[in-house]
């Protein structure tokens, strides 16, 4: 990971996201797909729904992953510990922000999608089974 010193509070300024952040996001995406597969499996159009969702999620995950793998250099230094990364700042186009805030911003959308799909699926499943009327 590249690093340069910030003039503010002598905190490191990170140019890259910590490797743990994309892994967490990938886990949340897998949670979303699993929720769709499990909770919406009773529908007549379930096979079509599963195919479309899996294809779209696969395309949105695999294409950036492949493109980012071409950008890695074998001589890059190892990533810092997450604690060290989180106590620094993350450089954005509009200026540096706290690295913890950057991690929250990156993970907010996948978390919202995972929780939302799970909630909608549970409500629909409980409605069909007659628990909710």
Protein backbone atom coordinates (compact mmCIF):
# COMPACT_ATOMS: atom_id res chain seq x y z
CA UNK A 1 0.00 0.00 0.00
CA UNK A 2 1.23 3.43 -0.79
CA UNK A 3 1.52 5.91 2.02
CA UNK A 4 2.46 9.53 2.37
CA UNK A 5 2.55 11.69 5.42
CA UNK A 6 -0.24 14.12 6.13
CA UNK A 7 0.48 17.52 7.56
CA UNK A 8 -2.53 17.28 9.86
CA UNK A 9 -1.94 15.58 13.20
CA UNK A 10 0.97 13.61 11.77
CA UNK A 11 -1.35 10.76 10.73
CA UNK A 12 -0.52 8.57 7.73
CA UNK A 13 -2.45 9.32 4.55
CA UNK A 14 -3.43 6.12 2.74
CA UNK A 15 -4.01 6.06 -1.00
CA UNK A 16 -5.50 2.54 -1.06
CA UNK A 17 -8.30 0.84 0.80
CA UNK A 18 -7.17 -1.78 3.29
CA UNK A 19 -7.45 -5.32 1.83
CA UNK A 20 -9.89 -6.31 4.58
CA UNK A 21 -12.54 -3.84 3.33
CA UNK A 22 -13.15 -5.51 -0.08
CA UNK A 23 -13.21 -8.92 1.63
CA UNK A 24 -15.94 -7.75 4.00
CA UNK A 25 -17.85 -6.25 1.06
CA UNK A 26 -17.55 -9.55 -0.82
CA UNK A 27 -18.91 -11.39 2.21
CA UNK A 28 -21.89 -9.04 2.33
CA UNK A 29 -22.52 -9.60 -1.38
CA UNK A 30 -22.45 -13.37 -0.84
CA UNK A 31 -24.91 -12.88 2.04
CA UNK A 32 -27.22 -10.96 -0.33
CA UNK A 33 -27.14 -13.65 -3.00
CA UNK A 34 -27.68 -16.39 -0.41
CA UNK A 35 -30.67 -14.49 0.99
CA UNK A 36 -32.20 -14.26 -2.48
CA UNK A 37 -31.58 -17.94 -3.18
CA UNK A 38 -32.97 -19.13 0.16
CA UNK A 39 -35.79 -16.72 0.89
CA UNK A 40 -37.22 -16.34 -2.62
CA UNK A 41 -36.97 -20.01 -3.63
CA UNK A 42 -40.70 -20.76 -3.38
CA UNK A 43 -41.73 -18.56 -6.31
CA UNK A 44 -42.83 -19.90 -9.70
CA UNK A 45 -40.19 -17.73 -11.36
CA UNK A 46 -37.50 -18.65 -8.85
CA UNK A 47 -35.17 -20.23 -11.40
CA UNK A 48 -35.24 -17.14 -13.60
CA UNK A 49 -34.83 -14.85 -10.58
CA UNK A 50 -31.88 -16.86 -9.27
CA UNK A 51 -30.20 -16.88 -12.66
CA UNK A 52 -30.59 -13.14 -13.24
CA UNK A 53 -29.47 -12.18 -9.73
CA UNK A 54 -26.49 -14.52 -9.80
CA UNK A 55 -25.40 -13.33 -13.25
CA UNK A 56 -25.68 -9.63 -12.36
CA UNK A 57 -23.89 -10.00 -9.04
CA UNK A 58 -21.23 -12.13 -10.69
CA UNK A 59 -20.68 -9.51 -13.37
CA UNK A 60 -20.49 -6.68 -10.87
CA UNK A 61 -18.03 -8.59 -8.68
CA UNK A 62 -15.81 -10.42 -11.15
CA UNK A 63 -15.17 -7.61 -13.65
CA UNK A 64 -13.77 -5.10 -11.11
CA UNK A 65 -11.86 -7.87 -9.34
CA UNK A 66 -10.13 -8.91 -12.57
CA UNK A 67 -9.38 -5.31 -13.52
CA UNK A 68 -7.93 -4.55 -10.09
CA UNK A 69 -5.77 -7.65 -10.17
CA UNK A 70 -4.02 -6.29 -13.27
CA UNK A 71 -3.11 -3.14 -11.37
CA UNK A 72 -1.22 -4.87 -8.57
CA UNK A 73 2.52 -4.85 -8.64
CA UNK A 74 4.50 -7.75 -7.19
CA UNK A 75 6.90 -5.37 -5.43
CA UNK A 76 4.18 -3.54 -3.44
CA UNK A 77 4.91 -3.49 0.29
CA UNK A 78 2.66 -5.60 2.51
CA UNK A 79 -0.52 -4.01 3.79
CA UNK A 80 -0.44 -2.46 7.27
CA UNK A 81 -2.48 -3.85 10.11
CA UNK A 82 -6.11 -2.78 9.98
CA UNK A 83 -5.75 -0.89 13.25
CA UNK A 84 -2.90 1.19 11.82
CA UNK A 85 -4.84 1.82 8.62
CA UNK A 86 -8.01 2.82 10.49
CA UNK A 87 -6.16 5.39 12.62
CA UNK A 88 -4.88 7.17 9.52
CA UNK A 89 -6.57 9.18 6.82
CA UNK A 90 -7.79 8.04 3.41
CA UNK A 91 -7.14 10.23 0.39
CA UNK A 92 -10.15 10.98 -1.82
CA UNK A 93 -10.67 13.22 -4.81
CA UNK A 94 -12.17 15.92 -2.59
CA UNK A 95 -9.48 15.67 0.08
CA UNK A 96 -8.49 13.36 2.92
CA UNK A 97 -11.07 11.89 5.29
CA UNK A 98 -10.74 9.71 8.35
CA UNK A 99 -9.99 6.12 7.28
CA UNK A 100 -12.69 4.70 9.56
CA UNK A 101 -15.26 6.95 7.90
CA UNK A 102 -14.03 5.79 4.48
CA UNK A 103 -14.45 2.15 5.50
CA UNK A 104 -17.99 2.86 6.72
CA UNK A 105 -18.83 4.64 3.46
CA UNK A 106 -17.51 1.77 1.37
CA UNK A 107 -19.33 -0.91 3.39
CA UNK A 108 -22.61 0.96 3.91
CA UNK A 109 -24.19 0.06 0.57
CA UNK A 110 -23.41 -3.69 0.61
CA UNK A 111 -24.59 -3.87 4.23
CA UNK A 112 -27.83 -2.04 3.43
CA UNK A 113 -28.50 -4.35 0.47
CA UNK A 114 -27.80 -7.50 2.50
CA UNK A 115 -29.99 -6.45 5.42
CA UNK A 116 -32.74 -5.11 3.14
CA UNK A 117 -32.96 -8.22 0.97
CA UNK A 118 -32.97 -10.41 4.07
CA UNK A 119 -35.76 -8.34 5.64
CA UNK A 120 -37.87 -8.31 2.47
CA UNK A 121 -37.34 -12.03 1.97
CA UNK A 122 -38.29 -12.86 5.55
CA UNK A 123 -41.41 -10.69 5.37
CA UNK A 124 -42.48 -12.30 2.08
CA UNK A 125 -41.72 -15.80 3.33
CA UNK A 126 -43.64 -15.27 6.58
CA UNK A 127 -46.55 -13.77 4.66
CA UNK A 128 -46.78 -16.75 2.29
CA UNK A 129 -46.57 -19.26 5.14
CA UNK A 130 -49.40 -17.45 6.93
CA UNK A 131 -47.49 -16.20 9.95
CA UNK A 132 -48.04 -12.60 8.85
CA UNK A 133 -51.39 -11.70 7.38
